[in-house]
Amino acid sequence: MGRKLLRFAGFASGAVAGTVLCRRVFGAAGERVDVYFDDGSFVTFAGRSSEAARLVPLAQRVLAAVRPA
C-alpha cells in the first residue's frame, strides 16, 4: 500500500510539474487584446497580430493614465 501511494504521488507531482512547464513554454506568452462587443461577444487578438500591434500601445497608454502614480 505504501509503495502504491508513493508511486501515485510521484506520478501526480510529475503531471503537475509537466503541466506547469508546458503552460510556461507553449502558453500564451506576451500580450493580447480582448475586444468586447455590446451583444456579449468578443474577439481576442494575439500580441503578434497586426490588429494587436495597433491596439496594444493604445491600451498601455490608457492603463498608464488610469493607474495611480
C-alpha atoms as a PDB file:
ATOM      1  CA  MET A   1       0.000   0.000   0.000  1.00  0.00           C
ATOM      2  CA  GLY A   2       2.813   2.433   0.839  1.00  0.00           C
ATOM      3  CA  ARG A   3       4.653   1.905  -2.434  1.00  0.00           C
ATOM      4  CA  LYS A   4       1.476   2.328  -4.446  1.00  0.00           C
ATOM      5  CA  LEU A   5       0.757   5.609  -2.714  1.00  0.00           C
ATOM      6  CA  LEU A   6       4.330   6.761  -3.236  1.00  0.00           C
ATOM      7  CA  ARG A   7       4.169   5.889  -6.943  1.00  0.00           C
ATOM      8  CA  PHE A   8       0.867   7.715  -7.306  1.00  0.00           C
ATOM      9  CA  ALA A   9       2.223  10.794  -5.526  1.00  0.00           C
ATOM     10  CA  GLY A  10       5.287  10.774  -7.784  1.00  0.00           C
ATOM     11  CA  PHE A  11       3.154  10.426 -10.880  1.00  0.00           C
ATOM     12  CA  ALA A  12       0.765  13.180  -9.781  1.00  0.00           C
ATOM     13  CA  SER A  13       3.549  15.616  -8.927  1.00  0.00           C
ATOM     14  CA  GLY A  14       5.252  14.873 -12.251  1.00  0.00           C
ATOM     15  CA  ALA A  15       1.999  15.511 -14.099  1.00  0.00           C
ATOM     16  CA  VAL A  16       1.525  18.829 -12.325  1.00  0.00           C
ATOM     17  CA  ALA A  17       5.136  19.847 -12.994  1.00  0.00           C
ATOM     18  CA  GLY A  18       4.772  18.872 -16.654  1.00  0.00           C
ATOM     19  CA  THR A  19       1.573  20.870 -16.984  1.00  0.00           C
ATOM     20  CA  VAL A  20       3.186  23.957 -15.462  1.00  0.00           C
ATOM     21  CA  LEU A  21       6.211  23.602 -17.715  1.00  0.00           C
ATOM     22  CA  CYS A  22       4.099  23.188 -20.849  1.00  0.00           C
ATOM     23  CA  ARG A  23       1.986  26.226 -19.981  1.00  0.00           C
ATOM     24  CA  ARG A  24       5.102  28.333 -19.488  1.00  0.00           C
ATOM     25  CA  VAL A  25       6.799  27.142 -22.675  1.00  0.00           C
ATOM     26  CA  PHE A  26       3.817  26.842 -25.026  1.00  0.00           C
ATOM     27  CA  GLY A  27       1.327  29.092 -23.261  1.00  0.00           C
ATOM     28  CA  ALA A  28       0.051  32.404 -24.416  1.00  0.00           C
ATOM     29  CA  ALA A  29       3.144  34.384 -23.687  1.00  0.00           C
ATOM     30  CA  GLY A  30       3.087  38.070 -24.347  1.00  0.00           C
ATOM     31  CA  GLU A  31       0.230  40.453 -24.550  1.00  0.00           C
ATOM     32  CA  ARG A  32      -3.145  40.128 -26.129  1.00  0.00           C
ATOM     33  CA  VAL A  33      -6.134  42.369 -26.667  1.00  0.00           C
ATOM     34  CA  ASP A  34      -9.695  41.292 -25.933  1.00  0.00           C
ATOM     35  CA  VAL A  35     -12.325  43.444 -27.644  1.00  0.00           C
ATOM     36  CA  TYR A  36     -15.812  43.062 -26.145  1.00  0.00           C
ATOM     37  CA  PHE A  37     -18.992  43.991 -28.001  1.00  0.00           C
ATOM     38  CA  ASP A  38     -22.428  45.048 -26.724  1.00  0.00           C
ATOM     39  CA  ASP A  39     -24.031  41.765 -27.757  1.00  0.00           C
ATOM     40  CA  GLY A  40     -21.726  39.857 -25.368  1.00  0.00           C
ATOM     41  CA  SER A  41     -19.344  38.521 -27.988  1.00  0.00           C
ATOM     42  CA  PHE A  42     -15.643  39.276 -28.058  1.00  0.00           C
ATOM     43  CA  VAL A  43     -12.574  38.865 -30.213  1.00  0.00           C
ATOM     44  CA  THR A  44      -9.052  38.175 -28.977  1.00  0.00           C
ATOM     45  CA  PHE A  45      -6.073  39.460 -30.923  1.00  0.00           C
ATOM     46  CA  ALA A  46      -2.752  37.789 -30.145  1.00  0.00           C
ATOM     47  CA  GLY A  47       0.228  40.013 -29.398  1.00  0.00           C
ATOM     48  CA  ARG A  48       1.896  39.295 -32.732  1.00  0.00           C
ATOM     49  CA  SER A  49      -1.081  40.009 -34.964  1.00  0.00           C
ATOM     50  CA  SER A  50      -1.324  43.227 -36.940  1.00  0.00           C
ATOM     51  CA  GLU A  51      -4.513  44.219 -35.099  1.00  0.00           C
ATOM     52  CA  ALA A  52      -2.857  43.791 -31.704  1.00  0.00           C
ATOM     53  CA  ALA A  53       0.223  45.674 -32.892  1.00  0.00           C
ATOM     54  CA  ARG A  54      -2.013  48.721 -33.298  1.00  0.00           C
ATOM     55  CA  LEU A  55      -4.147  48.224 -30.178  1.00  0.00           C
ATOM     56  CA  VAL A  56      -1.592  47.162 -27.540  1.00  0.00           C
ATOM     57  CA  PRO A  57       0.247  50.534 -27.407  1.00  0.00           C
ATOM     58  CA  LEU A  58      -3.086  52.349 -27.095  1.00  0.00           C
ATOM     59  CA  ALA A  59      -4.206  50.060 -24.293  1.00  0.00           C
ATOM     60  CA  GLN A  60      -0.883  50.521 -22.490  1.00  0.00           C
ATOM     61  CA  ARG A  61      -1.279  54.299 -22.625  1.00  0.00           C
ATOM     62  CA  VAL A  62      -4.840  54.097 -21.313  1.00  0.00           C
ATOM     63  CA  LEU A  63      -3.792  51.831 -18.453  1.00  0.00           C
ATOM     64  CA  ALA A  64      -0.845  54.066 -17.589  1.00  0.00           C
ATOM     65  CA  ALA A  65      -3.159  57.071 -17.464  1.00  0.00           C
ATOM     66  CA  VAL A  66      -5.648  55.494 -15.056  1.00  0.00           C
ATOM     67  CA  ARG A  67      -3.173  53.834 -12.707  1.00  0.00           C
ATOM     68  CA  PRO A  68      -2.393  55.757  -9.543  1.00  0.00           C
ATOM     69  CA  ALA A  69       1.037  57.343  -9.530  1.00  0.00           C
END
